[in-house]
Amino acid sequence: MSSWHIRLARAEDAEGFHEVEDDAARLLREEPSLEGVPVPPSESADHYRRLIRKGHCLTAYEGERVVGFAAAAPIRRELHLAEISVARTHQRCGIGATLLEALAIDAANSGFRAITLNTYIDIPWNAPFYARHGFVELQDFDGRPHLAESLEKAVELGLPRERRCAMIRFLG
């Protein structure tokens, strides 16, 4: 049984974020329903260092090793979850759910009204996972142009628009 913990991310975690995202992306590459759909490249460690500096990223770690993370950034009164990934060796251990709940607590304590994200509608560890954690699909992007922009960027990268959605979790 693994012994992992979570904490606020540190700049030195950025390389681990990149490695975990790259590892977890293999699941998308192996997903039969996504055959022929490109998987965008993992974000760089520099990208993650910039997000970590904004103060709303979390690290799941075991010993000295990053095994999961949630990378989010403020957009007005909402926190946008740019990426959440868990190393394949540590999936199905509750890390993703714990990261999401900790992010929601941090966001609420910081005065944010909601958490937003873009994801696949029909991949079990995407929209269905988020729905189990209080997220709902958002059809109207009024006042949230970042969600429309994120969706368009995904489509430009070759992801099928009809399989993508924006989701939101309102915070109490």
Protein backbone atom coordinates (compact mmCIF):
# COMPACT_ATOMS: atom_id res chain seq x y z
CA MET A 1 0.00 0.00 0.00
CA SER A 2 1.36 3.40 -0.95
CA SER A 3 1.78 6.23 1.51
CA TRP A 4 1.10 9.46 -0.34
CA HIS A 5 0.33 12.97 0.87
CA ILE A 6 -0.75 16.27 -0.66
CA ARG A 7 0.54 19.79 -0.17
CA LEU A 8 0.67 23.16 -1.88
CA ALA A 9 2.92 22.83 -4.91
CA ARG A 10 6.47 24.15 -4.90
CA ALA A 11 8.52 25.38 -7.86
CA GLU A 12 10.70 22.26 -7.68
CA ASP A 13 7.59 20.11 -8.33
CA ALA A 14 7.22 21.46 -11.89
CA GLU A 15 9.39 18.80 -13.52
CA GLY A 16 7.40 16.12 -11.69
CA PHE A 17 4.14 17.65 -12.95
CA HIS A 18 5.43 17.36 -16.52
CA GLU A 19 6.51 13.74 -15.99
CA VAL A 20 3.22 12.71 -14.34
CA GLU A 21 1.16 14.38 -17.08
CA ASP A 22 3.23 12.64 -19.74
CA ASP A 23 2.78 9.29 -17.99
CA ALA A 24 -0.99 9.73 -17.49
CA ALA A 25 -1.44 10.82 -21.12
CA ARG A 26 -0.57 7.27 -22.16
CA LEU A 27 -4.06 6.29 -21.03
CA LEU A 28 -5.53 8.62 -23.65
CA ARG A 29 -3.18 7.24 -26.30
CA GLU A 30 -4.32 3.71 -25.39
CA GLU A 31 -8.06 4.58 -25.25
CA PRO A 32 -9.69 2.69 -28.18
CA SER A 33 -12.38 5.34 -28.73
CA LEU A 34 -9.65 7.94 -29.31
CA GLU A 35 -7.84 6.01 -32.03
CA GLY A 36 -6.66 8.54 -34.59
CA VAL A 37 -7.25 11.51 -32.27
CA PRO A 38 -4.04 13.33 -31.40
CA VAL A 39 -3.07 13.64 -27.76
CA PRO A 40 -1.64 17.11 -27.19
CA PRO A 41 1.91 17.18 -25.84
CA SER A 42 2.39 17.49 -22.10
CA GLU A 43 2.98 20.98 -20.79
CA SER A 44 6.56 21.95 -19.99
CA ALA A 45 8.04 22.25 -16.54
CA ASP A 46 8.38 26.02 -17.18
CA HIS A 47 4.64 26.22 -17.87
CA TYR A 48 3.95 24.47 -14.57
CA ARG A 49 6.41 26.70 -12.69
CA ARG A 50 4.41 29.74 -13.88
CA LEU A 51 1.15 28.17 -12.68
CA ILE A 52 2.66 27.13 -9.35
CA ARG A 53 3.74 30.75 -8.73
CA LYS A 54 0.06 31.76 -8.86
CA GLY A 55 -0.46 29.77 -5.65
CA HIS A 56 -3.30 27.38 -6.47
CA CYS A 57 -1.53 24.17 -7.51
CA LEU A 58 -1.39 21.05 -5.38
CA THR A 59 1.11 18.20 -5.35
CA ALA A 60 0.48 14.58 -4.39
CA TYR A 61 3.77 13.01 -3.40
CA GLU A 62 5.21 9.80 -2.05
CA GLY A 63 8.61 10.19 -0.47
CA GLU A 64 10.36 12.68 -2.74
CA ARG A 65 8.43 11.68 -5.88
CA VAL A 66 5.51 13.62 -7.39
CA VAL A 67 2.73 11.08 -8.07
CA GLY A 68 -0.09 13.48 -8.93
CA PHE A 69 -1.02 17.11 -9.16
CA ALA A 70 -3.76 19.65 -9.74
CA ALA A 71 -2.68 22.78 -11.62
CA ALA A 72 -5.12 25.69 -11.46
CA ALA A 73 -5.06 29.43 -12.00
CA PRO A 74 -7.43 32.23 -11.05
CA ILE A 75 -9.64 33.77 -13.69
CA ARG A 76 -11.63 36.56 -12.07
CA ARG A 77 -13.72 35.02 -9.24
CA GLU A 78 -13.22 31.44 -10.45
CA LEU A 79 -10.35 28.99 -10.36
CA HIS A 80 -9.69 27.24 -13.68
CA LEU A 81 -8.33 23.70 -13.42
CA ALA A 82 -5.83 23.52 -16.28
CA GLU A 83 -4.72 19.95 -15.54
CA ILE A 84 -5.09 17.20 -13.02
CA SER A 85 -3.02 14.06 -13.50
CA VAL A 86 -2.04 11.03 -11.47
CA ALA A 87 0.82 8.68 -12.31
CA ARG A 88 -0.51 5.40 -13.68
CA THR A 89 1.16 3.48 -10.84
CA HIS A 90 -0.89 5.48 -8.33
CA GLN A 91 -4.29 5.62 -10.02
CA ARG A 92 -7.39 4.26 -8.30
CA CYS A 93 -5.93 5.15 -4.89
CA GLY A 94 -8.09 8.24 -4.32
CA ILE A 95 -5.40 10.74 -5.26
CA GLY A 96 -7.40 12.50 -7.99
CA ALA A 97 -10.48 12.78 -5.77
CA THR A 98 -8.39 14.07 -2.86
CA LEU A 99 -6.70 16.65 -5.07
CA LEU A 100 -10.09 17.84 -6.36
CA GLU A 101 -11.56 18.16 -2.87
CA ALA A 102 -8.48 19.94 -1.53
CA LEU A 103 -8.58 22.30 -4.51
CA ALA A 104 -12.25 23.05 -3.78
CA ILE A 105 -11.44 23.81 -0.15
CA ASP A 106 -8.53 26.06 -1.14
CA ALA A 107 -10.67 27.83 -3.74
CA ALA A 108 -13.56 28.41 -1.33
CA ASN A 109 -11.20 29.62 1.41
CA SER A 110 -9.61 32.00 -1.10
CA GLY A 111 -12.98 33.51 -2.02
CA PHE A 112 -13.48 31.89 -5.42
CA ARG A 113 -17.08 31.19 -6.47
CA ALA A 114 -16.41 28.15 -8.66
CA ILE A 115 -13.89 25.85 -10.32
CA THR A 116 -14.04 25.45 -14.10
CA LEU A 117 -12.42 23.04 -16.54
CA ASN A 118 -12.59 21.58 -20.05
CA THR A 119 -12.53 17.82 -20.62
CA TYR A 120 -13.77 14.85 -22.63
CA ILE A 121 -17.50 14.19 -22.24
CA ASP A 122 -17.39 10.41 -22.53
CA ILE A 123 -14.06 9.19 -21.18
CA PRO A 124 -14.77 7.61 -17.74
CA TRP A 125 -11.89 9.34 -15.96
CA ASN A 126 -12.90 12.72 -17.44
CA ALA A 127 -16.43 14.24 -17.32
CA PRO A 128 -18.05 11.28 -15.48
CA PHE A 129 -15.30 11.51 -12.80
CA TYR A 130 -15.80 15.25 -12.39
CA ALA A 131 -19.60 14.86 -12.27
CA ARG A 132 -19.19 12.49 -9.30
CA HIS A 133 -17.36 15.34 -7.59
CA GLY A 134 -19.97 18.05 -8.05
CA PHE A 135 -19.15 19.40 -11.50
CA VAL A 136 -21.92 20.03 -14.05
CA GLU A 137 -21.65 20.55 -17.78
CA LEU A 138 -21.82 24.19 -18.79
CA GLN A 139 -23.51 25.11 -22.07
CA ASP A 140 -23.47 28.89 -21.79
CA PHE A 141 -20.01 30.46 -21.68
CA ASP A 142 -21.40 33.95 -21.02
CA GLY A 143 -18.93 35.72 -18.74
CA ARG A 144 -16.47 32.83 -19.10
CA PRO A 145 -14.63 33.45 -22.39
CA HIS A 146 -11.66 31.40 -21.12
CA LEU A 147 -13.78 28.25 -21.44
CA ALA A 148 -14.72 29.00 -25.05
CA GLU A 149 -11.07 29.83 -25.81
CA SER A 150 -9.88 26.61 -24.17
CA LEU A 151 -12.38 24.59 -26.19
CA GLU A 152 -11.29 26.26 -29.42
CA LYS A 153 -7.63 25.64 -28.62
CA ALA A 154 -8.39 21.92 -28.08
CA VAL A 155 -10.21 21.76 -31.42
CA GLU A 156 -7.26 23.48 -33.15
CA LEU A 157 -5.03 20.74 -31.70
CA GLY A 158 -7.26 18.15 -33.40
CA LEU A 159 -9.52 17.13 -30.52
CA PRO A 160 -13.12 16.42 -31.60
CA ARG A 161 -15.41 19.29 -30.55
CA GLU A 162 -18.41 17.00 -30.13
CA ARG A 163 -16.55 15.00 -27.47
CA ARG A 164 -15.39 17.99 -25.42
CA CYS A 165 -17.24 19.98 -22.78
CA ALA A 166 -16.78 22.69 -20.20
CA MET A 167 -17.72 21.95 -16.60
CA ILE A 168 -18.15 23.99 -13.45
CA ARG A 169 -18.38 23.26 -9.75
CA PHE A 170 -19.98 26.03 -7.76
CA LEU A 171 -18.53 26.50 -4.31
CA GLY A 172 -20.74 26.99 -1.24
